[in-house]
Amino acid sequence: MAIGTSNRVVIDVPLELKRRLHAALAADGQTLRQWFVDSAEKYLTRYETGQRELPMAAESREEWGVR
């Protein structure tokens, strides 16, 4: 994985996944950028505090970055 010096993150994902994600985020009033930054911050907080397991499905939508 190349790590450049810009502030961009570039990943290839299946087109259908991209479409579904954009549609779901738009329905929740979020952009992909907002969701990614929020999700990355939450992930890093969990990682840095030793809580490396993903939250269980029963936890709140906010935990997953969904409004």
PDB file of N, CA and C in Angstrom:
ATOM      1  N   MET A   1       0.853  -1.168   0.000  1.00  0.00           N
ATOM      2  CA  MET A   1       0.000   0.000   0.000  1.00  0.00           C
ATOM      3  C   MET A   1       0.898   1.228   0.000  1.00  0.00           C
ATOM      4  N   ALA A   2       0.710   2.071  -0.991  1.00  0.00           N
ATOM      5  CA  ALA A   2       1.473   3.310  -1.070  1.00  0.00           C
ATOM      6  C   ALA A   2       0.888   4.346  -0.116  1.00  0.00           C
ATOM      7  N   ILE A   3       1.768   5.042   0.570  1.00  0.00           N
ATOM      8  CA  ILE A   3       1.337   6.105   1.470  1.00  0.00           C
ATOM      9  C   ILE A   3       2.026   7.376   1.011  1.00  0.00           C
ATOM     10  N   GLY A   4       1.238   8.274   0.413  1.00  0.00           N
ATOM     11  CA  GLY A   4       1.779   9.517  -0.101  1.00  0.00           C
ATOM     12  C   GLY A   4       1.751  10.617   0.947  1.00  0.00           C
ATOM     13  N   THR A   5       2.055  11.833   0.497  1.00  0.00           N
ATOM     14  CA  THR A   5       2.102  12.969   1.419  1.00  0.00           C
ATOM     15  C   THR A   5       0.881  13.873   1.305  1.00  0.00           C
ATOM     16  N   SER A   6      -0.065  13.531   0.436  1.00  0.00           N
ATOM     17  CA  SER A   6      -1.273  14.352   0.308  1.00  0.00           C
ATOM     18  C   SER A   6      -2.289  13.950   1.370  1.00  0.00           C
ATOM     19  N   ASN A   7      -3.395  14.683   1.422  1.00  0.00           N
ATOM     20  CA  ASN A   7      -4.449  14.350   2.383  1.00  0.00           C
ATOM     21  C   ASN A   7      -5.500  13.434   1.785  1.00  0.00           C
ATOM     22  N   ARG A   8      -5.247  12.850   0.661  1.00  0.00           N
ATOM     23  CA  ARG A   8      -6.222  11.990  -0.021  1.00  0.00           C
ATOM     24  C   ARG A   8      -6.020  10.524   0.337  1.00  0.00           C
ATOM     25  N   VAL A   9      -7.151   9.814   0.402  1.00  0.00           N
ATOM     26  CA  VAL A   9      -7.156   8.369   0.563  1.00  0.00           C
ATOM     27  C   VAL A   9      -7.848   7.818  -0.668  1.00  0.00           C
ATOM     28  N   VAL A  10      -7.171   6.966  -1.411  1.00  0.00           N
ATOM     29  CA  VAL A  10      -7.737   6.418  -2.645  1.00  0.00           C
ATOM     30  C   VAL A  10      -7.811   4.904  -2.501  1.00  0.00           C
ATOM     31  N   ILE A  11      -9.025   4.381  -2.665  1.00  0.00           N
ATOM     32  CA  ILE A  11      -9.211   2.929  -2.616  1.00  0.00           C
ATOM     33  C   ILE A  11     -10.112   2.509  -3.760  1.00  0.00           C
ATOM     34  N   ASP A  12      -9.916   1.287  -4.216  1.00  0.00           N
ATOM     35  CA  ASP A  12     -10.800   0.710  -5.226  1.00  0.00           C
ATOM     36  C   ASP A  12     -11.794  -0.191  -4.512  1.00  0.00           C
ATOM     37  N   VAL A  13     -13.072   0.033  -4.772  1.00  0.00           N
ATOM     38  CA  VAL A  13     -14.120  -0.809  -4.202  1.00  0.00           C
ATOM     39  C   VAL A  13     -15.054  -1.229  -5.326  1.00  0.00           C
ATOM     40  N   PRO A  14     -15.773  -2.315  -5.145  1.00  0.00           N
ATOM     41  CA  PRO A  14     -16.746  -2.706  -6.161  1.00  0.00           C
ATOM     42  C   PRO A  14     -17.755  -1.580  -6.407  1.00  0.00           C
ATOM     43  N   LEU A  15     -18.090  -1.348  -7.661  1.00  0.00           N
ATOM     44  CA  LEU A  15     -18.971  -0.250  -8.041  1.00  0.00           C
ATOM     45  C   LEU A  15     -20.323  -0.319  -7.331  1.00  0.00           C
ATOM     46  N   GLU A  16     -20.898  -1.497  -7.216  1.00  0.00           N
ATOM     47  CA  GLU A  16     -22.198  -1.624  -6.554  1.00  0.00           C
ATOM     48  C   GLU A  16     -22.102  -1.246  -5.075  1.00  0.00           C
ATOM     49  N   LEU A  17     -21.016  -1.620  -4.423  1.00  0.00           N
ATOM     50  CA  LEU A  17     -20.810  -1.235  -3.027  1.00  0.00           C
ATOM     51  C   LEU A  17     -20.720   0.285  -2.910  1.00  0.00           C
ATOM     52  N   LYS A  18     -19.985   0.899  -3.811  1.00  0.00           N
ATOM     53  CA  LYS A  18     -19.861   2.360  -3.815  1.00  0.00           C
ATOM     54  C   LYS A  18     -21.230   3.024  -3.981  1.00  0.00           C
ATOM     55  N   ARG A  19     -22.016   2.549  -4.916  1.00  0.00           N
ATOM     56  CA  ARG A  19     -23.349   3.118  -5.151  1.00  0.00           C
ATOM     57  C   ARG A  19     -24.254   2.969  -3.935  1.00  0.00           C
ATOM     58  N   ARG A  20     -24.254   1.774  -3.343  1.00  0.00           N
ATOM     59  CA  ARG A  20     -25.095   1.521  -2.166  1.00  0.00           C
ATOM     60  C   ARG A  20     -24.678   2.385  -0.994  1.00  0.00           C
ATOM     61  N   LEU A  21     -23.369   2.516  -0.803  1.00  0.00           N
ATOM     62  CA  LEU A  21     -22.864   3.323   0.304  1.00  0.00           C
ATOM     63  C   LEU A  21     -23.233   4.792   0.125  1.00  0.00           C
ATOM     64  N   HIS A  22     -23.013   5.333  -1.065  1.00  0.00           N
ATOM     65  CA  HIS A  22     -23.381   6.730  -1.327  1.00  0.00           C
ATOM     66  C   HIS A  22     -24.881   6.953  -1.108  1.00  0.00           C
ATOM     67  N   ALA A  23     -25.703   6.018  -1.576  1.00  0.00           N
ATOM     68  CA  ALA A  23     -27.154   6.159  -1.434  1.00  0.00           C
ATOM     69  C   ALA A  23     -27.564   6.128   0.040  1.00  0.00           C
ATOM     70  N   ALA A  24     -27.006   5.197   0.804  1.00  0.00           N
ATOM     71  CA  ALA A  24     -27.348   5.092   2.218  1.00  0.00           C
ATOM     72  C   ALA A  24     -26.899   6.331   2.985  1.00  0.00           C
ATOM     73  N   LEU A  25     -25.701   6.804   2.707  1.00  0.00           N
ATOM     74  CA  LEU A  25     -25.198   7.995   3.385  1.00  0.00           C
ATOM     75  C   LEU A  25     -26.015   9.227   3.015  1.00  0.00           C
ATOM     76  N   ALA A  26     -26.380   9.349   1.748  1.00  0.00           N
ATOM     77  CA  ALA A  26     -27.206  10.484   1.321  1.00  0.00           C
ATOM     78  C   ALA A  26     -28.553  10.455   2.036  1.00  0.00           C
ATOM     79  N   ALA A  27     -29.126   9.271   2.179  1.00  0.00           N
ATOM     80  CA  ALA A  27     -30.404   9.145   2.877  1.00  0.00           C
ATOM     81  C   ALA A  27     -30.284   9.568   4.340  1.00  0.00           C
ATOM     82  N   ASP A  28     -29.104   9.391   4.910  1.00  0.00           N
ATOM     83  CA  ASP A  28     -28.853   9.799   6.295  1.00  0.00           C
ATOM     84  C   ASP A  28     -28.301  11.217   6.393  1.00  0.00           C
ATOM     85  N   GLY A  29     -28.185  11.903   5.255  1.00  0.00           N
ATOM     86  CA  GLY A  29     -27.714  13.281   5.264  1.00  0.00           C
ATOM     87  C   GLY A  29     -26.220  13.438   5.474  1.00  0.00           C
ATOM     88  N   GLN A  30     -25.453  12.436   5.091  1.00  0.00           N
ATOM     89  CA  GLN A  30     -24.006  12.491   5.256  1.00  0.00           C
ATOM     90  C   GLN A  30     -23.303  12.377   3.908  1.00  0.00           C
ATOM     91  N   THR A  31     -22.061  12.825   3.877  1.00  0.00           N
ATOM     92  CA  THR A  31     -21.216  12.604   2.711  1.00  0.00           C
ATOM     93  C   THR A  31     -20.276  11.443   3.025  1.00  0.00           C
ATOM     94  N   LEU A  32     -19.704  10.876   1.986  1.00  0.00           N
ATOM     95  CA  LEU A  32     -18.734   9.802   2.184  1.00  0.00           C
ATOM     96  C   LEU A  32     -17.550  10.311   2.998  1.00  0.00           C
ATOM     97  N   ARG A  33     -17.128  11.528   2.742  1.00  0.00           N
ATOM     98  CA  ARG A  33     -16.007  12.107   3.483  1.00  0.00           C
ATOM     99  C   ARG A  33     -16.340  12.226   4.970  1.00  0.00           C
ATOM    100  N   GLN A  34     -17.530  12.770   5.280  1.00  0.00           N
ATOM    101  CA  GLN A  34     -17.932  12.899   6.692  1.00  0.00           C
ATOM    102  C   GLN A  34     -17.940  11.537   7.377  1.00  0.00           C
ATOM    103  N   TRP A  35     -18.559  10.573   6.716  1.00  0.00           N
ATOM    104  CA  TRP A  35     -18.671   9.239   7.279  1.00  0.00           C
ATOM    105  C   TRP A  35     -17.295   8.611   7.480  1.00  0.00           C
ATOM    106  N   PHE A  36     -16.426   8.744   6.495  1.00  0.00           N
ATOM    107  CA  PHE A  36     -15.102   8.148   6.607  1.00  0.00           C
ATOM    108  C   PHE A  36     -14.302   8.768   7.748  1.00  0.00           C
ATOM    109  N   VAL A  37     -14.287  10.098   7.822  1.00  0.00           N
ATOM    110  CA  VAL A  37     -13.536  10.773   8.879  1.00  0.00           C
ATOM    111  C   VAL A  37     -14.087  10.380  10.251  1.00  0.00           C
ATOM    112  N   ASP A  38     -15.406  10.416  10.421  1.00  0.00           N
ATOM    113  CA  ASP A  38     -16.023  10.032  11.697  1.00  0.00           C
ATOM    114  C   ASP A  38     -15.701   8.577  12.052  1.00  0.00           C
ATOM    115  N   SER A  39     -15.838   7.686  11.072  1.00  0.00           N
ATOM    116  CA  SER A  39     -15.589   6.270  11.307  1.00  0.00           C
ATOM    117  C   SER A  39     -14.122   6.009  11.614  1.00  0.00           C
ATOM    118  N   ALA A  40     -13.230   6.688  10.905  1.00  0.00           N
ATOM    119  CA  ALA A  40     -11.799   6.521  11.147  1.00  0.00           C
ATOM    120  C   ALA A  40     -11.422   7.012  12.541  1.00  0.00           C
ATOM    121  N   GLU A  41     -11.977   8.148  12.947  1.00  0.00           N
ATOM    122  CA  GLU A  41     -11.702   8.673  14.296  1.00  0.00           C
ATOM    123  C   GLU A  41     -12.190   7.696  15.363  1.00  0.00           C
ATOM    124  N   LYS A  42     -13.383   7.155  15.192  1.00  0.00           N
ATOM    125  CA  LYS A  42     -13.922   6.196  16.159  1.00  0.00           C
ATOM    126  C   LYS A  42     -13.076   4.926  16.198  1.00  0.00           C
ATOM    127  N   TYR A  43     -12.671   4.448  15.028  1.00  0.00           N
ATOM    128  CA  TYR A  43     -11.840   3.252  14.953  1.00  0.00           C
ATOM    129  C   TYR A  43     -10.513   3.481  15.672  1.00  0.00           C
ATOM    130  N   LEU A  44      -9.880   4.609  15.392  1.00  0.00           N
ATOM    131  CA  LEU A  44      -8.586   4.896  16.009  1.00  0.00           C
ATOM    132  C   LEU A  44      -8.703   5.066  17.520  1.00  0.00           C
ATOM    133  N   THR A  45      -9.780   5.666  17.982  1.00  0.00           N
ATOM    134  CA  THR A  45      -9.994   5.796  19.423  1.00  0.00           C
ATOM    135  C   THR A  45     -10.099   4.418  20.058  1.00  0.00           C
ATOM    136  N   ARG A  46     -10.883   3.536  19.433  1.00  0.00           N
ATOM    137  CA  ARG A  46     -11.027   2.173  19.948  1.00  0.00           C
ATOM    138  C   ARG A  46      -9.685   1.444  19.897  1.00  0.00           C
ATOM    139  N   TYR A  47      -8.965   1.589  18.806  1.00  0.00           N
ATOM    140  CA  TYR A  47      -7.674   0.923  18.631  1.00  0.00           C
ATOM    141  C   TYR A  47      -6.667   1.400  19.677  1.00  0.00           C
ATOM    142  N   GLU A  48      -6.595   2.706  19.841  1.00  0.00           N
ATOM    143  CA  GLU A  48      -5.607   3.300  20.744  1.00  0.00           C
ATOM    144  C   GLU A  48      -5.923   3.048  22.217  1.00  0.00           C
ATOM    145  N   THR A  49      -7.163   2.701  22.523  1.00  0.00           N
ATOM    146  CA  THR A  49      -7.527   2.392  23.904  1.00  0.00           C
ATOM    147  C   THR A  49      -7.625   0.886  24.146  1.00  0.00           C
ATOM    148  N   GLY A  50      -7.206   0.100  23.167  1.00  0.00           N
ATOM    149  CA  GLY A  50      -7.188  -1.348  23.333  1.00  0.00           C
ATOM    150  C   GLY A  50      -8.513  -2.031  23.102  1.00  0.00           C
ATOM    151  N   GLN A  51      -9.512  -1.314  22.610  1.00  0.00           N
ATOM    152  CA  GLN A  51     -10.834  -1.901  22.332  1.00  0.00           C
ATOM    153  C   GLN A  51     -10.896  -2.264  20.856  1.00  0.00           C
ATOM    154  N   ARG A  52     -10.178  -3.282  20.471  1.00  0.00           N
ATOM    155  CA  ARG A  52      -9.984  -3.576  19.050  1.00  0.00           C
ATOM    156  C   ARG A  52     -11.103  -4.372  18.410  1.00  0.00           C
ATOM    157  N   GLU A  53     -12.007  -4.952  19.195  1.00  0.00           N
ATOM    158  CA  GLU A  53     -13.111  -5.680  18.594  1.00  0.00           C
ATOM    159  C   GLU A  53     -14.108  -4.690  18.006  1.00  0.00           C
ATOM    160  N   LEU A  54     -14.741  -5.085  16.922  1.00  0.00           N
ATOM    161  CA  LEU A  54     -15.800  -4.255  16.359  1.00  0.00           C
ATOM    162  C   LEU A  54     -17.010  -4.299  17.273  1.00  0.00           C
ATOM    163  N   PRO A  55     -17.791  -3.228  17.312  1.00  0.00           N
ATOM    164  CA  PRO A  55     -18.994  -3.242  18.151  1.00  0.00           C
ATOM    165  C   PRO A  55     -19.993  -4.287  17.665  1.00  0.00           C
ATOM    166  N   MET A  56     -20.753  -4.838  18.586  1.00  0.00           N
ATOM    167  CA  MET A  56     -21.761  -5.827  18.243  1.00  0.00           C
ATOM    168  C   MET A  56     -22.930  -5.160  17.523  1.00  0.00           C
ATOM    169  N   ALA A  57     -23.663  -5.934  16.756  1.00  0.00           N
ATOM    170  CA  ALA A  57     -24.778  -5.414  15.967  1.00  0.00           C
ATOM    171  C   ALA A  57     -25.836  -4.751  16.839  1.00  0.00           C
ATOM    172  N   ALA A  58     -25.967  -5.183  18.077  1.00  0.00           N
ATOM    173  CA  ALA A  58     -27.004  -4.636  18.952  1.00  0.00           C
ATOM    174  C   ALA A  58     -26.654  -3.236  19.465  1.00  0.00           C
ATOM    175  N   GLU A  59     -25.399  -2.800  19.290  1.00  0.00           N
ATOM    176  CA  GLU A  59     -25.024  -1.476  19.773  1.00  0.00           C
ATOM    177  C   GLU A  59     -25.672  -0.403  18.913  1.00  0.00           C
ATOM    178  N   SER A  60     -25.624   0.813  19.385  1.00  0.00           N
ATOM    179  CA  SER A  60     -26.324   1.913  18.729  1.00  0.00           C
ATOM    180  C   SER A  60     -25.784   2.220  17.337  1.00  0.00           C
ATOM    181  N   ARG A  61     -26.640   2.806  16.511  1.00  0.00           N
ATOM    182  CA  ARG A  61     -26.251   3.232  15.167  1.00  0.00           C
ATOM    183  C   ARG A  61     -25.149   4.278  15.227  1.00  0.00           C
ATOM    184  N   GLU A  62     -25.143   5.104  16.266  1.00  0.00           N
ATOM    185  CA  GLU A  62     -24.120   6.142  16.378  1.00  0.00           C
ATOM    186  C   GLU A  62     -22.725   5.536  16.486  1.00  0.00           C
ATOM    187  N   GLU A  63     -22.639   4.387  17.122  1.00  0.00           N
ATOM    188  CA  GLU A  63     -21.347   3.709  17.269  1.00  0.00           C
ATOM    189  C   GLU A  63     -20.732   3.386  15.911  1.00  0.00           C
ATOM    190  N   TRP A  64     -21.588   3.141  14.924  1.00  0.00           N
ATOM    191  CA  TRP A  64     -21.132   2.813  13.578  1.00  0.00           C
ATOM    192  C   TRP A  64     -21.035   4.050  12.697  1.00  0.00           C
ATOM    193  N   GLY A  65     -21.320   5.218  13.230  1.00  0.00           N
ATOM    194  CA  GLY A  65     -21.231   6.424  12.431  1.00  0.00           C
ATOM    195  C   GLY A  65     -22.445   6.663  11.564  1.00  0.00           C
ATOM    196  N   VAL A  66     -23.582   6.059  11.916  1.00  0.00           N
ATOM    197  CA  VAL A  66     -24.811   6.223  11.150  1.00  0.00           C
ATOM    198  C   VAL A  66     -25.750   7.098  11.949  1.00  0.00           C
ATOM    199  N   ARG A  67     -26.276   8.116  11.312  1.00  0.00           N
ATOM    200  CA  ARG A  67     -27.192   9.033  12.001  1.00  0.00           C
ATOM    201  C   ARG A  67     -28.617   8.569  11.877  1.00  0.00           C
TER     202      ARG A  67
END
